[in-house]
Amino acid sequence: MPDFGHGKVLLNMSEPENPQVPGSDTQPPSQPPEDAALKRPIRLGLGVRLRNYFLAGILITAPVSLTFYIAWLFISWVDQTVLPLVPPEYNPDNYLPFSIPGIGLIIVLLVLTLIGALTAGLFGRLTRQLMESVLNRLPIVRSVYSAIKQVIETVLANQSAAFRDCVLVEFPRAGAWTLGFVTGATPPEVETAIGGDALTIFVPTTPNPTSGYLIFVPRKDVIYLDMSIEDGIKLVVSGGIVAPGKAIAKSPSKTTASA
């Protein structure tokens, strides 16, 4: 006789441990409460949104407002300085019921243009040479006049060598790198004292780039940057907030060529 009990045991072993009832839906495993909380959208409160809107408004209006305010101060200063020198019969403020801002600035531009046109001819060149000969004979005025003239001619020249490249130099101590601008050739006396080829570098201060330090650095200790002068000035004025997209150190071949 076959052993039906043994077959029954085998049948039970082949059945799954957790049988499912046909027609019943399979429930997905529940997510941990931490994961569910992280996937929930973060809803900002009314105060936080108002603060963000306020900061966005400042970021949009502050640069434009400050630009117009500084321009207005400059125009007002020129008007207050120039208009008192204009004869009353030629002053438009005496004929109009309101004041026109910028009249003094227009007068200054016209006068400078007229002076430039007059000095371009033979008579103007002779007059300028006469004035320079008189100023060069004055002991103290001579030094001031020559320095101011040289700076203005360097800055306003068509092929000016001022601020030729943006560089990095170790200043004010070793290991601290500072952005500087190569301004020109180094005097031979300085190169002789240093004992090698050197560069004249102007290191501006933040946020006022018109003041700074004039340093002489050996050429081998200078790192040239692939950065425009305008981006370098923006970086200095903003204190590093407005940075260029990418500033790459030039290779030694490019550095030698640009120098």
Protein backbone atom coordinates (compact mmCIF):
# COMPACT_ATOMS: atom_id res chain seq x y z
CA MET A 1 0.00 0.00 0.00
CA PRO A 2 1.34 3.51 -0.82
CA ASP A 3 2.08 5.83 2.04
CA PHE A 4 -0.43 8.68 1.57
CA GLY A 5 0.81 10.43 4.63
CA HIS A 6 4.27 10.86 3.14
CA GLY A 7 2.81 12.35 -0.05
CA LYS A 8 0.78 14.76 2.00
CA VAL A 9 3.91 16.01 3.66
CA LEU A 10 5.57 16.61 0.29
CA LEU A 11 2.55 18.56 -0.94
CA ASN A 12 2.64 20.86 2.04
CA MET A 13 6.36 21.56 1.55
CA SER A 14 5.81 22.71 -2.07
CA GLU A 15 3.21 25.29 -1.09
CA PRO A 16 4.40 28.89 -0.44
CA GLU A 17 4.80 29.99 3.10
CA ASN A 18 2.56 33.08 2.72
CA PRO A 19 -0.14 32.21 0.22
CA GLN A 20 -2.15 35.10 -1.19
CA VAL A 21 -5.84 35.00 -1.70
CA PRO A 22 -6.76 35.34 -5.41
CA GLY A 23 -8.11 38.78 -6.25
CA SER A 24 -6.40 40.52 -3.35
CA ASP A 25 -4.19 43.61 -4.14
CA THR A 26 -0.49 43.56 -3.32
CA GLN A 27 0.39 46.35 -0.87
CA PRO A 28 3.76 48.12 -1.52
CA PRO A 29 6.15 48.33 1.38
CA SER A 30 5.58 51.39 3.49
CA GLN A 31 8.23 54.15 3.34
CA PRO A 32 10.04 55.22 6.48
CA PRO A 33 8.64 58.41 7.97
CA GLU A 34 11.99 60.18 7.50
CA ASP A 35 12.00 59.64 3.70
CA ALA A 36 8.39 60.73 3.39
CA ALA A 37 9.12 63.92 5.30
CA LEU A 38 12.09 64.73 3.05
CA LYS A 39 10.02 64.32 -0.15
CA ARG A 40 7.34 66.72 1.00
CA PRO A 41 7.51 70.16 -0.72
CA ILE A 42 8.85 72.86 1.54
CA ARG A 43 6.30 75.60 1.94
CA LEU A 44 7.66 79.03 2.79
CA GLY A 45 5.78 81.20 5.15
CA LEU A 46 4.40 84.60 4.25
CA GLY A 47 7.17 86.43 6.14
CA VAL A 48 9.93 84.49 4.37
CA ARG A 49 8.43 85.15 0.94
CA LEU A 50 8.04 88.84 1.67
CA ARG A 51 11.66 89.00 2.80
CA ASN A 52 12.83 87.29 -0.41
CA TYR A 53 10.78 89.70 -2.52
CA PHE A 54 12.26 92.64 -0.63
CA LEU A 55 15.85 91.42 -1.14
CA ALA A 56 15.16 90.81 -4.83
CA GLY A 57 13.88 94.36 -5.16
CA ILE A 58 17.04 95.71 -3.53
CA LEU A 59 19.26 93.70 -5.88
CA ILE A 60 17.42 95.11 -8.89
CA THR A 61 17.02 98.75 -7.87
CA ALA A 62 20.19 99.39 -5.83
CA PRO A 63 22.75 99.40 -8.71
CA VAL A 64 20.55 101.59 -10.90
CA SER A 65 19.68 103.97 -8.08
CA LEU A 66 23.27 104.36 -6.92
CA THR A 67 24.45 104.97 -10.50
CA PHE A 68 21.89 107.72 -11.07
CA TYR A 69 22.60 109.20 -7.63
CA ILE A 70 26.36 109.41 -8.23
CA ALA A 71 25.78 110.88 -11.70
CA TRP A 72 23.38 113.43 -10.20
CA LEU A 73 25.91 114.42 -7.54
CA PHE A 74 28.62 114.89 -10.17
CA ILE A 75 26.37 116.96 -12.46
CA SER A 76 25.17 119.10 -9.54
CA TRP A 77 28.76 119.70 -8.41
CA VAL A 78 29.80 120.79 -11.91
CA ASP A 79 26.78 123.10 -12.22
CA GLN A 80 27.45 124.71 -8.85
CA THR A 81 31.09 125.27 -9.79
CA VAL A 82 30.69 126.48 -13.40
CA LEU A 83 27.42 128.44 -13.46
CA PRO A 84 28.60 131.17 -11.04
CA LEU A 85 31.42 131.90 -13.52
CA VAL A 86 28.99 132.44 -16.40
CA PRO A 87 27.87 136.08 -16.92
CA PRO A 88 24.27 136.67 -15.84
CA GLU A 89 23.14 137.60 -19.34
CA TYR A 90 24.32 134.23 -20.65
CA ASN A 91 23.04 132.13 -17.78
CA PRO A 92 19.89 130.21 -18.83
CA ASP A 93 18.69 130.02 -15.22
CA ASN A 94 18.02 133.76 -15.30
CA TYR A 95 15.58 133.43 -18.21
CA LEU A 96 13.83 130.16 -17.47
CA PRO A 97 11.34 129.61 -14.63
CA PHE A 98 13.07 126.35 -13.76
CA SER A 99 16.65 125.13 -13.52
CA ILE A 100 18.06 122.77 -16.14
CA PRO A 101 20.55 120.29 -14.69
CA GLY A 102 23.66 119.63 -16.72
CA ILE A 103 24.14 123.12 -18.19
CA GLY A 104 27.46 123.50 -16.41
CA LEU A 105 28.65 120.11 -17.67
CA ILE A 106 27.72 121.05 -21.25
CA ILE A 107 29.64 124.31 -20.90
CA VAL A 108 32.71 122.46 -19.64
CA LEU A 109 32.60 120.04 -22.58
CA LEU A 110 32.24 122.88 -25.08
CA VAL A 111 35.13 124.83 -23.53
CA LEU A 112 37.43 121.80 -23.53
CA THR A 113 36.56 121.03 -27.14
CA LEU A 114 37.22 124.64 -28.14
CA ILE A 115 40.58 124.66 -26.35
CA GLY A 116 41.57 121.44 -28.10
CA ALA A 117 40.62 122.87 -31.48
CA LEU A 118 42.60 126.06 -30.86
CA THR A 119 45.74 124.29 -29.66
CA ALA A 120 45.74 121.97 -32.69
CA GLY A 121 46.95 124.76 -34.97
CA LEU A 122 50.28 126.52 -35.17
CA PHE A 123 49.22 129.39 -32.93
CA GLY A 124 47.94 126.95 -30.33
CA ARG A 125 51.15 124.93 -30.31
CA LEU A 126 53.22 128.09 -29.86
CA THR A 127 50.98 129.19 -26.99
CA ARG A 128 51.25 125.81 -25.32
CA GLN A 129 55.03 125.78 -25.62
CA LEU A 130 55.17 129.25 -24.12
CA MET A 131 53.02 128.20 -21.16
CA GLU A 132 55.10 125.07 -20.61
CA SER A 133 58.35 127.06 -20.68
CA VAL A 134 56.98 129.42 -18.03
CA LEU A 135 55.75 126.57 -15.80
CA ASN A 136 59.01 124.64 -16.14
CA ARG A 137 60.92 127.58 -14.69
CA LEU A 138 58.96 127.57 -11.44
CA PRO A 139 60.67 125.35 -8.84
CA ILE A 140 57.69 123.65 -7.16
CA VAL A 141 55.10 124.03 -9.90
CA ARG A 142 57.47 122.42 -12.40
CA SER A 143 57.50 119.08 -10.61
CA VAL A 144 53.73 119.02 -10.08
CA TYR A 145 52.98 120.04 -13.66
CA SER A 146 55.34 117.49 -15.23
CA ALA A 147 53.98 114.64 -13.09
CA ILE A 148 50.34 115.46 -13.81
CA LYS A 149 51.04 115.89 -17.52
CA GLN A 150 52.84 112.57 -17.77
CA VAL A 151 50.06 110.70 -15.97
CA ILE A 152 47.31 112.24 -18.11
CA GLU A 153 49.19 111.61 -21.34
CA THR A 154 49.78 108.00 -20.34
CA VAL A 155 46.15 107.35 -19.43
CA LEU A 156 44.60 109.16 -22.41
CA ALA A 157 47.07 107.97 -25.05
CA ASN A 158 45.68 105.79 -27.84
CA GLN A 159 48.32 103.12 -27.25
CA SER A 160 48.68 103.44 -23.53
CA ALA A 161 50.84 100.99 -21.63
CA ALA A 162 48.99 101.66 -18.36
CA PHE A 163 47.37 98.60 -16.79
CA ARG A 164 48.58 96.20 -19.45
CA ASP A 165 47.91 92.88 -17.68
CA CYS A 166 46.28 91.40 -14.60
CA VAL A 167 48.76 89.46 -12.50
CA LEU A 168 49.06 87.72 -9.16
CA VAL A 169 51.87 88.61 -6.79
CA GLU A 170 52.71 87.47 -3.27
CA PHE A 171 51.81 90.56 -1.26
CA PRO A 172 52.00 91.63 1.56
CA ARG A 173 53.70 88.37 2.61
CA ALA A 174 54.76 85.08 1.12
CA GLY A 175 51.84 82.73 0.60
CA ALA A 176 49.22 85.52 0.33
CA TRP A 177 48.41 86.32 -3.29
CA THR A 178 47.13 89.73 -4.38
CA LEU A 179 45.68 90.94 -7.66
CA GLY A 180 47.76 93.62 -9.35
CA PHE A 181 48.18 95.41 -12.68
CA VAL A 182 51.36 95.72 -14.70
CA THR A 183 51.77 99.45 -15.32
CA GLY A 184 54.97 99.80 -17.30
CA ALA A 185 58.68 99.29 -17.59
CA THR A 186 60.78 99.16 -14.47
CA PRO A 187 63.46 101.86 -14.10
CA PRO A 188 66.98 100.54 -14.73
CA GLU A 189 68.07 101.66 -11.27
CA VAL A 190 65.45 99.41 -9.66
CA GLU A 191 66.37 96.41 -11.82
CA THR A 192 70.02 96.90 -10.93
CA ALA A 193 69.21 97.01 -7.22
CA ILE A 194 66.97 93.93 -7.43
CA GLY A 195 69.52 92.06 -9.47
CA GLY A 196 67.39 90.93 -12.40
CA ASP A 197 64.44 91.58 -14.67
CA ALA A 198 61.52 93.07 -12.75
CA LEU A 199 58.00 94.37 -13.37
CA THR A 200 56.32 97.52 -12.10
CA ILE A 201 53.02 96.48 -10.56
CA PHE A 202 50.25 98.57 -9.06
CA VAL A 203 48.32 96.81 -6.28
CA PRO A 204 44.98 98.61 -5.76
CA THR A 205 43.04 98.73 -2.52
CA THR A 206 39.43 97.65 -2.01
CA PRO A 207 36.93 99.18 -2.68
CA ASN A 208 38.76 102.30 -3.91
CA PRO A 209 41.12 101.24 -6.73
CA THR A 210 42.54 104.75 -7.15
CA SER A 211 44.73 104.20 -4.10
CA GLY A 212 47.16 101.36 -3.62
CA TYR A 213 50.80 100.31 -3.56
CA LEU A 214 53.50 100.49 -6.19
CA ILE A 215 55.75 97.45 -5.97
CA PHE A 216 58.60 96.05 -8.06
CA VAL A 217 58.56 92.28 -8.38
CA PRO A 218 60.96 89.97 -10.23
CA ARG A 219 59.39 88.71 -13.42
CA LYS A 220 59.82 85.06 -12.38
CA ASP A 221 57.66 85.62 -9.28
CA VAL A 222 54.69 87.04 -11.21
CA ILE A 223 51.74 84.93 -12.43
CA TYR A 224 49.86 86.36 -15.42
CA LEU A 225 46.09 85.88 -15.51
CA ASP A 226 43.86 85.43 -18.53
CA MET A 227 41.63 88.22 -17.22
CA SER A 228 40.74 91.58 -18.74
CA ILE A 229 41.55 94.84 -16.98
CA GLU A 230 37.84 95.60 -16.64
CA ASP A 231 37.14 92.29 -14.90
CA GLY A 232 40.10 92.85 -12.61
CA ILE A 233 38.85 96.30 -11.58
CA LYS A 234 35.35 94.90 -10.97
CA LEU A 235 36.85 92.20 -8.79
CA VAL A 236 38.74 94.79 -6.72
CA VAL A 237 35.87 97.28 -6.39
CA SER A 238 33.34 94.61 -5.36
CA GLY A 239 35.71 93.04 -2.85
CA GLY A 240 35.57 89.71 -4.68
CA ILE A 241 31.77 89.56 -4.92
CA VAL A 242 31.65 90.23 -8.67
CA ALA A 243 34.07 87.66 -10.03
CA PRO A 244 34.78 86.94 -13.70
CA GLY A 245 33.51 83.72 -15.22
CA LYS A 246 36.93 82.09 -15.40
CA ALA A 247 40.44 83.32 -14.66
CA ILE A 248 43.18 81.05 -15.93
CA ALA A 249 46.88 81.41 -15.22
CA LYS A 250 48.77 81.82 -18.47
CA SER A 251 51.46 79.40 -19.44
CA PRO A 252 55.08 80.49 -19.15
CA SER A 253 55.34 80.86 -22.93
CA LYS A 254 52.38 83.26 -23.00
CA THR A 255 53.74 85.08 -19.99
CA THR A 256 57.06 85.72 -21.65
CA ALA A 257 55.41 86.73 -24.88
CA SER A 258 53.02 89.17 -23.23
CA ALA A 259 55.82 90.68 -21.17
